[in-house]
């Protein structure tokens, strides 16, 4: 399942990043979002969702949220 299908407030483990874009994958890695790391969806928004990764909160768009499998 993807981040868009996740329940708000529950912690999940990132299984994989499904994208062909190496820059996007490197960006997510720099945020601490990679396979095996915990991620929590704080809230769902019209254009994506707010997630908590490690000690940071990030607003990610729908396409990016669909690329992250949990």
PDB file of N, CA and C in Angstrom:
ATOM      1  N   UNK A   1       0.841  -1.178   0.000  1.00  0.00           N
ATOM      2  CA  UNK A   1       0.000   0.000   0.000  1.00  0.00           C
ATOM      3  C   UNK A   1       0.887   1.242   0.000  1.00  0.00           C
ATOM      4  N   UNK A   2       0.317   2.365  -0.394  1.00  0.00           N
ATOM      5  CA  UNK A   2       1.087   3.601  -0.485  1.00  0.00           C
ATOM      6  C   UNK A   2       0.723   4.537   0.669  1.00  0.00           C
ATOM      7  N   UNK A   3       1.441   5.647   0.762  1.00  0.00           N
ATOM      8  CA  UNK A   3       1.167   6.616   1.823  1.00  0.00           C
ATOM      9  C   UNK A   3      -0.227   7.218   1.721  1.00  0.00           C
ATOM     10  N   UNK A   4      -0.764   7.326   0.504  1.00  0.00           N
ATOM     11  CA  UNK A   4      -2.107   7.897   0.352  1.00  0.00           C
ATOM     12  C   UNK A   4      -3.177   7.010   0.984  1.00  0.00           C
ATOM     13  N   UNK A   5      -2.895   5.730   1.126  1.00  0.00           N
ATOM     14  CA  UNK A   5      -3.856   4.793   1.709  1.00  0.00           C
ATOM     15  C   UNK A   5      -3.636   4.595   3.205  1.00  0.00           C
ATOM     16  N   UNK A   6      -2.602   5.214   3.755  1.00  0.00           N
ATOM     17  CA  UNK A   6      -2.251   5.028   5.165  1.00  0.00           C
ATOM     18  C   UNK A   6      -3.213   5.770   6.085  1.00  0.00           C
ATOM     19  N   UNK A   7      -3.369   5.246   7.293  1.00  0.00           N
ATOM     20  CA  UNK A   7      -4.181   5.898   8.311  1.00  0.00           C
ATOM     21  C   UNK A   7      -3.370   6.986   8.995  1.00  0.00           C
ATOM     22  N   UNK A   8      -4.018   8.087   9.301  1.00  0.00           N
ATOM     23  CA  UNK A   8      -3.342   9.186   9.983  1.00  0.00           C
ATOM     24  C   UNK A   8      -2.948   8.773  11.398  1.00  0.00           C
ATOM     25  N   UNK A   9      -1.735   9.130  11.797  1.00  0.00           N
ATOM     26  CA  UNK A   9      -1.268   8.874  13.158  1.00  0.00           C
ATOM     27  C   UNK A   9      -0.636   7.516  13.379  1.00  0.00           C
ATOM     28  N   UNK A  10      -0.690   6.631  12.406  1.00  0.00           N
ATOM     29  CA  UNK A  10      -0.083   5.305  12.557  1.00  0.00           C
ATOM     30  C   UNK A  10       1.310   5.292  11.958  1.00  0.00           C
ATOM     31  N   UNK A  11       2.219   4.585  12.630  1.00  0.00           N
ATOM     32  CA  UNK A  11       3.587   4.473  12.124  1.00  0.00           C
ATOM     33  C   UNK A  11       3.693   3.255  11.210  1.00  0.00           C
ATOM     34  N   UNK A  12       4.323   3.448  10.068  1.00  0.00           N
ATOM     35  CA  UNK A  12       4.540   2.390   9.089  1.00  0.00           C
ATOM     36  C   UNK A  12       6.028   2.295   8.792  1.00  0.00           C
ATOM     37  N   UNK A  13       6.429   1.195   8.185  1.00  0.00           N
ATOM     38  CA  UNK A  13       7.817   1.013   7.742  1.00  0.00           C
ATOM     39  C   UNK A  13       7.841   1.128   6.220  1.00  0.00           C
ATOM     40  N   UNK A  14       8.762   1.937   5.708  1.00  0.00           N
ATOM     41  CA  UNK A  14       8.895   2.102   4.256  1.00  0.00           C
ATOM     42  C   UNK A  14       9.419   0.791   3.673  1.00  0.00           C
ATOM     43  N   UNK A  15       8.684   0.226   2.710  1.00  0.00           N
ATOM     44  CA  UNK A  15       9.115  -1.013   2.057  1.00  0.00           C
ATOM     45  C   UNK A  15       9.975  -0.716   0.840  1.00  0.00           C
ATOM     46  N   UNK A  16       9.545   0.263   0.035  1.00  0.00           N
ATOM     47  CA  UNK A  16      10.313   0.606  -1.159  1.00  0.00           C
ATOM     48  C   UNK A  16       9.886   1.958  -1.700  1.00  0.00           C
ATOM     49  N   UNK A  17      10.761   2.508  -2.545  1.00  0.00           N
ATOM     50  CA  UNK A  17      10.469   3.739  -3.268  1.00  0.00           C
ATOM     51  C   UNK A  17      10.337   3.359  -4.738  1.00  0.00           C
ATOM     52  N   UNK A  18       9.149   3.521  -5.300  1.00  0.00           N
ATOM     53  CA  UNK A  18       8.866   3.097  -6.674  1.00  0.00           C
ATOM     54  C   UNK A  18       8.926   4.279  -7.629  1.00  0.00           C
ATOM     55  N   UNK A  19      10.135   4.635  -8.037  1.00  0.00           N
ATOM     56  CA  UNK A  19      10.299   5.727  -8.985  1.00  0.00           C
ATOM     57  C   UNK A  19      11.506   5.474  -9.874  1.00  0.00           C
ATOM     58  N   UNK A  20      11.423   5.970 -11.096  1.00  0.00           N
ATOM     59  CA  UNK A  20      12.543   5.868 -12.039  1.00  0.00           C
ATOM     60  C   UNK A  20      13.474   7.077 -11.908  1.00  0.00           C
ATOM     61  N   UNK A  21      13.010   8.119 -11.212  1.00  0.00           N
ATOM     62  CA  UNK A  21      13.739   9.374 -11.080  1.00  0.00           C
ATOM     63  C   UNK A  21      14.803   9.263  -9.982  1.00  0.00           C
ATOM     64  N   UNK A  22      16.067   9.233 -10.374  1.00  0.00           N
ATOM     65  CA  UNK A  22      17.159   9.087  -9.411  1.00  0.00           C
ATOM     66  C   UNK A  22      17.288  10.300  -8.496  1.00  0.00           C
ATOM     67  N   UNK A  23      17.007  11.500  -9.036  1.00  0.00           N
ATOM     68  CA  UNK A  23      17.073  12.711  -8.218  1.00  0.00           C
ATOM     69  C   UNK A  23      16.028  12.670  -7.109  1.00  0.00           C
ATOM     70  N   UNK A  24      14.839  12.208  -7.438  1.00  0.00           N
ATOM     71  CA  UNK A  24      13.771  12.097  -6.456  1.00  0.00           C
ATOM     72  C   UNK A  24      14.145  11.091  -5.374  1.00  0.00           C
ATOM     73  N   UNK A  25      14.704   9.982  -5.785  1.00  0.00           N
ATOM     74  CA  UNK A  25      15.119   8.966  -4.828  1.00  0.00           C
ATOM     75  C   UNK A  25      16.231   9.495  -3.920  1.00  0.00           C
ATOM     76  N   UNK A  26      17.168  10.244  -4.476  1.00  0.00           N
ATOM     77  CA  UNK A  26      18.249  10.843  -3.686  1.00  0.00           C
ATOM     78  C   UNK A  26      17.696  11.882  -2.712  1.00  0.00           C
ATOM     79  N   UNK A  27      16.693  12.649  -3.148  1.00  0.00           N
ATOM     80  CA  UNK A  27      16.058  13.639  -2.285  1.00  0.00           C
ATOM     81  C   UNK A  27      15.385  12.957  -1.096  1.00  0.00           C
ATOM     82  N   UNK A  28      14.630  11.900  -1.361  1.00  0.00           N
ATOM     83  CA  UNK A  28      13.965  11.170  -0.276  1.00  0.00           C
ATOM     84  C   UNK A  28      14.981  10.563   0.677  1.00  0.00           C
ATOM     85  N   UNK A  29      16.078  10.059   0.136  1.00  0.00           N
ATOM     86  CA  UNK A  29      17.138   9.487   0.965  1.00  0.00           C
ATOM     87  C   UNK A  29      17.716  10.557   1.891  1.00  0.00           C
ATOM     88  N   UNK A  30      17.882  11.778   1.379  1.00  0.00           N
ATOM     89  CA  UNK A  30      18.427  12.862   2.197  1.00  0.00           C
ATOM     90  C   UNK A  30      17.479  13.257   3.326  1.00  0.00           C
ATOM     91  N   UNK A  31      16.181  13.021   3.131  1.00  0.00           N
ATOM     92  CA  UNK A  31      15.199  13.295   4.187  1.00  0.00           C
ATOM     93  C   UNK A  31      15.161  12.177   5.218  1.00  0.00           C
ATOM     94  N   UNK A  32      15.756  11.033   4.889  1.00  0.00           N
ATOM     95  CA  UNK A  32      15.708   9.876   5.774  1.00  0.00           C
ATOM     96  C   UNK A  32      14.620   8.901   5.401  1.00  0.00           C
ATOM     97  N   UNK A  33      14.058   9.063   4.214  1.00  0.00           N
ATOM     98  CA  UNK A  33      12.978   8.200   3.744  1.00  0.00           C
ATOM     99  C   UNK A  33      13.556   7.154   2.801  1.00  0.00           C
ATOM    100  N   UNK A  34      13.819   5.969   3.354  1.00  0.00           N
ATOM    101  CA  UNK A  34      14.326   4.864   2.557  1.00  0.00           C
ATOM    102  C   UNK A  34      13.860   3.560   3.175  1.00  0.00           C
ATOM    103  N   UNK A  35      14.065   2.477   2.473  1.00  0.00           N
ATOM    104  CA  UNK A  35      13.573   1.170   2.876  1.00  0.00           C
ATOM    105  C   UNK A  35      14.007   0.816   4.297  1.00  0.00           C
ATOM    106  N   UNK A  36      13.034   0.390   5.109  1.00  0.00           N
ATOM    107  CA  UNK A  36      13.313  -0.025   6.474  1.00  0.00           C
ATOM    108  C   UNK A  36      13.126   1.063   7.524  1.00  0.00           C
ATOM    109  N   UNK A  37      12.907   2.306   7.096  1.00  0.00           N
ATOM    110  CA  UNK A  37      12.747   3.420   8.028  1.00  0.00           C
ATOM    111  C   UNK A  37      11.279   3.633   8.383  1.00  0.00           C
ATOM    112  N   UNK A  38      10.992   4.021   9.629  1.00  0.00           N
ATOM    113  CA  UNK A  38       9.609   4.322  10.008  1.00  0.00           C
ATOM    114  C   UNK A  38       9.144   5.654   9.434  1.00  0.00           C
ATOM    115  N   UNK A  39       7.865   5.720   9.102  1.00  0.00           N
ATOM    116  CA  UNK A  39       7.252   6.948   8.585  1.00  0.00           C
ATOM    117  C   UNK A  39       5.825   7.015   9.122  1.00  0.00           C
ATOM    118  N   UNK A  40       5.379   8.217   9.471  1.00  0.00           N
ATOM    119  CA  UNK A  40       4.039   8.408  10.013  1.00  0.00           C
ATOM    120  C   UNK A  40       3.322   9.473   9.192  1.00  0.00           C
ATOM    121  N   UNK A  41       2.082   9.184   8.794  1.00  0.00           N
ATOM    122  CA  UNK A  41       1.265  10.179   8.102  1.00  0.00           C
ATOM    123  C   UNK A  41       0.564  11.011   9.173  1.00  0.00           C
ATOM    124  N   UNK A  42       0.890  12.304   9.204  1.00  0.00           N
ATOM    125  CA  UNK A  42       0.284  13.210  10.181  1.00  0.00           C
ATOM    126  C   UNK A  42      -1.121  13.598   9.737  1.00  0.00           C
ATOM    127  N   UNK A  43      -1.256  13.993   8.463  1.00  0.00           N
ATOM    128  CA  UNK A  43      -2.580  14.330   7.933  1.00  0.00           C
ATOM    129  C   UNK A  43      -2.593  14.219   6.414  1.00  0.00           C
ATOM    130  N   UNK A  44      -3.790  13.979   5.891  1.00  0.00           N
ATOM    131  CA  UNK A  44      -3.990  13.938   4.444  1.00  0.00           C
ATOM    132  C   UNK A  44      -4.496  15.301   3.996  1.00  0.00           C
ATOM    133  N   UNK A  45      -3.946  15.793   2.903  1.00  0.00           N
ATOM    134  CA  UNK A  45      -4.358  17.073   2.341  1.00  0.00           C
ATOM    135  C   UNK A  45      -4.881  16.858   0.934  1.00  0.00           C
ATOM    136  N   UNK A  46      -5.478  17.872   0.364  1.00  0.00           N
ATOM    137  CA  UNK A  46      -6.018  17.778  -0.995  1.00  0.00           C
ATOM    138  C   UNK A  46      -4.928  17.429  -2.013  1.00  0.00           C
ATOM    139  N   UNK A  47      -3.741  18.037  -1.866  1.00  0.00           N
ATOM    140  CA  UNK A  47      -2.672  17.823  -2.835  1.00  0.00           C
ATOM    141  C   UNK A  47      -1.626  16.817  -2.407  1.00  0.00           C
ATOM    142  N   UNK A  48      -1.858  16.061  -1.339  1.00  0.00           N
ATOM    143  CA  UNK A  48      -0.883  15.083  -0.860  1.00  0.00           C
ATOM    144  C   UNK A  48      -1.072  14.790   0.612  1.00  0.00           C
ATOM    145  N   UNK A  49       0.037  14.798   1.365  1.00  0.00           N
ATOM    146  CA  UNK A  49      -0.066  14.543   2.794  1.00  0.00           C
ATOM    147  C   UNK A  49       1.145  15.100   3.541  1.00  0.00           C
ATOM    148  N   UNK A  50       0.977  15.233   4.850  1.00  0.00           N
ATOM    149  CA  UNK A  50       2.057  15.658   5.731  1.00  0.00           C
ATOM    150  C   UNK A  50       2.567  14.407   6.431  1.00  0.00           C
ATOM    151  N   UNK A  51       3.874  14.184   6.368  1.00  0.00           N
ATOM    152  CA  UNK A  51       4.463  12.996   6.974  1.00  0.00           C
ATOM    153  C   UNK A  51       5.540  13.378   7.976  1.00  0.00           C
ATOM    154  N   UNK A  52       5.783  12.487   8.900  1.00  0.00           N
ATOM    155  CA  UNK A  52       6.860  12.644   9.868  1.00  0.00           C
ATOM    156  C   UNK A  52       7.894  11.566   9.590  1.00  0.00           C
ATOM    157  N   UNK A  53       9.132  12.023   9.314  1.00  0.00           N
ATOM    158  CA  UNK A  53      10.248  11.118   9.069  1.00  0.00           C
ATOM    159  C   UNK A  53      11.356  11.535  10.020  1.00  0.00           C
ATOM    160  N   UNK A  54      11.774  10.610  10.863  1.00  0.00           N
ATOM    161  CA  UNK A  54      12.759  10.919  11.896  1.00  0.00           C
ATOM    162  C   UNK A  54      12.255  12.096  12.723  1.00  0.00           C
ATOM    163  N   UNK A  55      12.977  13.206  12.802  1.00  0.00           N
ATOM    164  CA  UNK A  55      12.548  14.342  13.611  1.00  0.00           C
ATOM    165  C   UNK A  55      11.921  15.465  12.803  1.00  0.00           C
ATOM    166  N   UNK A  56      11.631  15.231  11.521  1.00  0.00           N
ATOM    167  CA  UNK A  56      11.097  16.295  10.675  1.00  0.00           C
ATOM    168  C   UNK A  56       9.712  15.993  10.157  1.00  0.00           C
ATOM    169  N   UNK A  57       9.001  17.065   9.814  1.00  0.00           N
ATOM    170  CA  UNK A  57       7.688  16.940   9.175  1.00  0.00           C
ATOM    171  C   UNK A  57       7.786  17.530   7.780  1.00  0.00           C
ATOM    172  N   UNK A  58       7.215  16.828   6.810  1.00  0.00           N
ATOM    173  CA  UNK A  58       7.320  17.241   5.418  1.00  0.00           C
ATOM    174  C   UNK A  58       5.970  17.145   4.738  1.00  0.00           C
ATOM    175  N   UNK A  59       5.692  18.099   3.875  1.00  0.00           N
ATOM    176  CA  UNK A  59       4.494  18.088   3.050  1.00  0.00           C
ATOM    177  C   UNK A  59       4.881  17.502   1.697  1.00  0.00           C
ATOM    178  N   UNK A  60       4.321  16.372   1.340  1.00  0.00           N
ATOM    179  CA  UNK A  60       4.664  15.742   0.066  1.00  0.00           C
ATOM    180  C   UNK A  60       3.430  15.673  -0.823  1.00  0.00           C
ATOM    181  N   UNK A  61       3.650  15.788  -2.132  1.00  0.00           N
ATOM    182  CA  UNK A  61       2.526  15.800  -3.059  1.00  0.00           C
ATOM    183  C   UNK A  61       2.021  14.384  -3.349  1.00  0.00           C
ATOM    184  N   UNK A  62       0.927  14.313  -4.078  1.00  0.00           N
ATOM    185  CA  UNK A  62       0.260  13.038  -4.371  1.00  0.00           C
ATOM    186  C   UNK A  62       1.155  12.068  -5.126  1.00  0.00           C
ATOM    187  N   UNK A  63       1.879  12.555  -6.130  1.00  0.00           N
ATOM    188  CA  UNK A  63       2.742  11.679  -6.921  1.00  0.00           C
ATOM    189  C   UNK A  63       3.835  11.054  -6.062  1.00  0.00           C
ATOM    190  N   UNK A  64       4.426  11.857  -5.202  1.00  0.00           N
ATOM    191  CA  UNK A  64       5.486  11.364  -4.319  1.00  0.00           C
ATOM    192  C   UNK A  64       4.915  10.374  -3.303  1.00  0.00           C
ATOM    193  N   UNK A  65       3.754  10.682  -2.765  1.00  0.00           N
ATOM    194  CA  UNK A  65       3.110   9.782  -1.803  1.00  0.00           C
ATOM    195  C   UNK A  65       2.776   8.438  -2.444  1.00  0.00           C
ATOM    196  N   UNK A  66       2.403   8.449  -3.718  1.00  0.00           N
ATOM    197  CA  UNK A  66       2.115   7.203  -4.427  1.00  0.00           C
ATOM    198  C   UNK A  66       3.371   6.390  -4.710  1.00  0.00           C
ATOM    199  N   UNK A  67       4.530   7.036  -4.739  1.00  0.00           N
ATOM    200  CA  UNK A  67       5.787   6.349  -5.035  1.00  0.00           C
ATOM    201  C   UNK A  67       6.355   5.639  -3.808  1.00  0.00           C
ATOM    202  N   UNK A  68       5.860   5.977  -2.615  1.00  0.00           N
ATOM    203  CA  UNK A  68       6.394   5.384  -1.386  1.00  0.00           C
ATOM    204  C   UNK A  68       5.488   4.243  -0.939  1.00  0.00           C
ATOM    205  N   UNK A  69       6.017   3.022  -0.978  1.00  0.00           N
ATOM    206  CA  UNK A  69       5.270   1.840  -0.547  1.00  0.00           C
ATOM    207  C   UNK A  69       5.562   1.541   0.907  1.00  0.00           C
ATOM    208  N   UNK A  70       4.485   1.255   1.654  1.00  0.00           N
ATOM    209  CA  UNK A  70       4.639   0.932   3.080  1.00  0.00           C
ATOM    210  C   UNK A  70       4.059  -0.420   3.377  1.00  0.00           C
TER     211      UNK A  70
END
